[in-house]
Amino acid sequence: MADQELYVFWKYDQPPYVLGAKVEKFYDDGKVEPKGYLCFHVKPITILPDGPGREAMERLIVLKNEFRQHEHDLREDTRRRAYELLCMEVPDD
């Protein structure tokens, strides 16, 4: 049986605050090199097998896109309310 692909997930400082990728290489210090991140070693928060790993990656993409949409909507609402507060019409940009 061929080796099963693994996915590594690590903390990130921007939404969705977790990134993931297939595992390229494991290191003795517990860090992992994600595939596509040459010479970049991460401290895993979890490692998942192929099926659950792919599903988690897909769900993280959805979560990131939802965050971006909410952020856009919040910015637009804040902009509208600021102009309304000043009794001004919201300009078209």
C-alpha atoms as a PDB file:
ATOM      1  CA  MET A   1       0.000   0.000   0.000  1.00  0.00           C
ATOM      2  CA  ALA A   2       1.346   3.440  -0.917  1.00  0.00           C
ATOM      3  CA  ASP A   3       1.965   6.002   1.784  1.00  0.00           C
ATOM      4  CA  GLN A   4      -1.116   8.051   2.501  1.00  0.00           C
ATOM      5  CA  GLU A   5      -0.811  11.794   1.973  1.00  0.00           C
ATOM      6  CA  LEU A   6      -0.999  13.889   5.110  1.00  0.00           C
ATOM      7  CA  TYR A   7      -2.069  17.496   5.617  1.00  0.00           C
ATOM      8  CA  VAL A   8      -0.423  19.818   8.124  1.00  0.00           C
ATOM      9  CA  PHE A   9      -2.187  22.825   9.648  1.00  0.00           C
ATOM     10  CA  TRP A  10      -0.462  25.693  11.461  1.00  0.00           C
ATOM     11  CA  LYS A  11      -1.288  29.026  13.084  1.00  0.00           C
ATOM     12  CA  TYR A  12      -1.413  32.115  10.896  1.00  0.00           C
ATOM     13  CA  ASP A  13      -1.829  35.790  11.777  1.00  0.00           C
ATOM     14  CA  GLN A  14      -4.619  36.569   9.295  1.00  0.00           C
ATOM     15  CA  PRO A  15      -8.082  35.088   8.771  1.00  0.00           C
ATOM     16  CA  PRO A  16      -8.865  32.281   8.902  1.00  0.00           C
ATOM     17  CA  TYR A  17      -5.906  32.196  11.347  1.00  0.00           C
ATOM     18  CA  VAL A  18      -4.960  28.686  10.239  1.00  0.00           C
ATOM     19  CA  LEU A  19      -3.206  27.607   7.042  1.00  0.00           C
ATOM     20  CA  GLY A  20      -2.751  24.129   5.697  1.00  0.00           C
ATOM     21  CA  ALA A  21      -0.985  22.154   2.992  1.00  0.00           C
ATOM     22  CA  LYS A  22       0.119  18.640   2.166  1.00  0.00           C
ATOM     23  CA  VAL A  23       3.129  17.453   4.135  1.00  0.00           C
ATOM     24  CA  GLU A  24       6.386  17.493   2.201  1.00  0.00           C
ATOM     25  CA  LYS A  25       8.786  16.504   4.962  1.00  0.00           C
ATOM     26  CA  PHE A  26       8.989  15.871   8.713  1.00  0.00           C
ATOM     27  CA  TYR A  27      11.903  17.101  10.838  1.00  0.00           C
ATOM     28  CA  ASP A  28      13.360  15.691  14.041  1.00  0.00           C
ATOM     29  CA  ASP A  29      12.463  18.861  15.972  1.00  0.00           C
ATOM     30  CA  GLY A  30       8.739  18.242  15.355  1.00  0.00           C
ATOM     31  CA  LYS A  31       8.387  20.830  12.613  1.00  0.00           C
ATOM     32  CA  VAL A  32       7.035  20.081   9.159  1.00  0.00           C
ATOM     33  CA  GLU A  33       7.783  21.421   5.691  1.00  0.00           C
ATOM     34  CA  PRO A  34       4.477  22.012   3.883  1.00  0.00           C
ATOM     35  CA  LYS A  35       4.387  21.128   0.186  1.00  0.00           C
ATOM     36  CA  GLY A  36       4.795  24.266  -1.902  1.00  0.00           C
ATOM     37  CA  TYR A  37       6.548  26.158   0.925  1.00  0.00           C
ATOM     38  CA  LEU A  38      10.187  25.454   0.115  1.00  0.00           C
ATOM     39  CA  CYS A  39      12.501  25.820   3.138  1.00  0.00           C
ATOM     40  CA  PHE A  40       9.575  26.892   5.330  1.00  0.00           C
ATOM     41  CA  HIS A  41       9.148  24.843   8.494  1.00  0.00           C
ATOM     42  CA  VAL A  42       5.994  25.093  10.588  1.00  0.00           C
ATOM     43  CA  LYS A  43       4.995  23.949  14.037  1.00  0.00           C
ATOM     44  CA  PRO A  44       1.851  21.904  13.404  1.00  0.00           C
ATOM     45  CA  ILE A  45      -1.329  22.459  15.360  1.00  0.00           C
ATOM     46  CA  THR A  46      -2.621  19.239  13.809  1.00  0.00           C
ATOM     47  CA  ILE A  47      -1.848  16.750  11.071  1.00  0.00           C
ATOM     48  CA  LEU A  48      -4.698  14.980   9.309  1.00  0.00           C
ATOM     49  CA  PRO A  49      -4.871  12.078   6.870  1.00  0.00           C
ATOM     50  CA  ASP A  50      -5.828  12.631   3.225  1.00  0.00           C
ATOM     51  CA  GLY A  51      -9.653  12.629   3.336  1.00  0.00           C
ATOM     52  CA  PRO A  52     -10.189  14.704   6.480  1.00  0.00           C
ATOM     53  CA  GLY A  53      -7.246  16.919   5.513  1.00  0.00           C
ATOM     54  CA  ARG A  54      -8.669  17.761   2.091  1.00  0.00           C
ATOM     55  CA  GLU A  55     -12.076  18.424   3.667  1.00  0.00           C
ATOM     56  CA  ALA A  56     -10.518  20.725   6.276  1.00  0.00           C
ATOM     57  CA  MET A  57      -8.648  22.615   3.539  1.00  0.00           C
ATOM     58  CA  GLU A  58     -11.883  23.129   1.593  1.00  0.00           C
ATOM     59  CA  ARG A  59     -13.713  24.310   4.710  1.00  0.00           C
ATOM     60  CA  LEU A  60     -10.914  26.757   5.548  1.00  0.00           C
ATOM     61  CA  ILE A  61     -11.217  28.263   2.065  1.00  0.00           C
ATOM     62  CA  VAL A  62     -14.966  28.699   2.573  1.00  0.00           C
ATOM     63  CA  LEU A  63     -14.347  30.245   6.001  1.00  0.00           C
ATOM     64  CA  LYS A  64     -11.782  32.677   4.567  1.00  0.00           C
ATOM     65  CA  ASN A  65     -14.193  33.705   1.796  1.00  0.00           C
ATOM     66  CA  GLU A  66     -17.030  34.185   4.295  1.00  0.00           C
ATOM     67  CA  PHE A  67     -14.762  36.373   6.428  1.00  0.00           C
ATOM     68  CA  ARG A  68     -13.835  38.514   3.425  1.00  0.00           C
ATOM     69  CA  GLN A  69     -17.497  38.958   2.487  1.00  0.00           C
ATOM     70  CA  HIS A  70     -18.454  39.919   6.060  1.00  0.00           C
ATOM     71  CA  GLU A  71     -15.514  42.318   6.220  1.00  0.00           C
ATOM     72  CA  HIS A  72     -16.578  43.930   2.923  1.00  0.00           C
ATOM     73  CA  ASP A  73     -20.190  44.219   4.110  1.00  0.00           C
ATOM     74  CA  LEU A  74     -19.105  45.742   7.432  1.00  0.00           C
ATOM     75  CA  ARG A  75     -16.911  48.323   5.679  1.00  0.00           C
ATOM     76  CA  GLU A  76     -19.754  49.302   3.355  1.00  0.00           C
ATOM     77  CA  ASP A  77     -22.239  49.565   6.244  1.00  0.00           C
ATOM     78  CA  THR A  78     -19.794  51.656   8.291  1.00  0.00           C
ATOM     79  CA  ARG A  79     -19.177  53.965   5.337  1.00  0.00           C
ATOM     80  CA  ARG A  80     -22.905  54.395   4.751  1.00  0.00           C
ATOM     81  CA  ARG A  81     -23.592  55.111   8.425  1.00  0.00           C
ATOM     82  CA  ALA A  82     -20.763  57.654   8.631  1.00  0.00           C
ATOM     83  CA  TYR A  83     -22.210  59.645   5.744  1.00  0.00           C
ATOM     84  CA  GLU A  84     -25.713  59.367   7.201  1.00  0.00           C
ATOM     85  CA  LEU A  85     -24.384  60.654  10.525  1.00  0.00           C
ATOM     86  CA  LEU A  86     -23.169  63.757   8.707  1.00  0.00           C
ATOM     87  CA  CYS A  87     -26.531  64.049   6.891  1.00  0.00           C
ATOM     88  CA  MET A  88     -24.778  63.530   3.596  1.00  0.00           C
ATOM     89  CA  GLU A  89     -25.580  61.369   0.637  1.00  0.00           C
ATOM     90  CA  VAL A  90     -23.238  58.410   0.216  1.00  0.00           C
ATOM     91  CA  PRO A  91     -21.156  59.063  -2.905  1.00  0.00           C
ATOM     92  CA  ASP A  92     -20.754  56.470  -5.616  1.00  0.00           C
ATOM     93  CA  ASP A  93     -17.158  55.361  -5.905  1.00  0.00           C
END
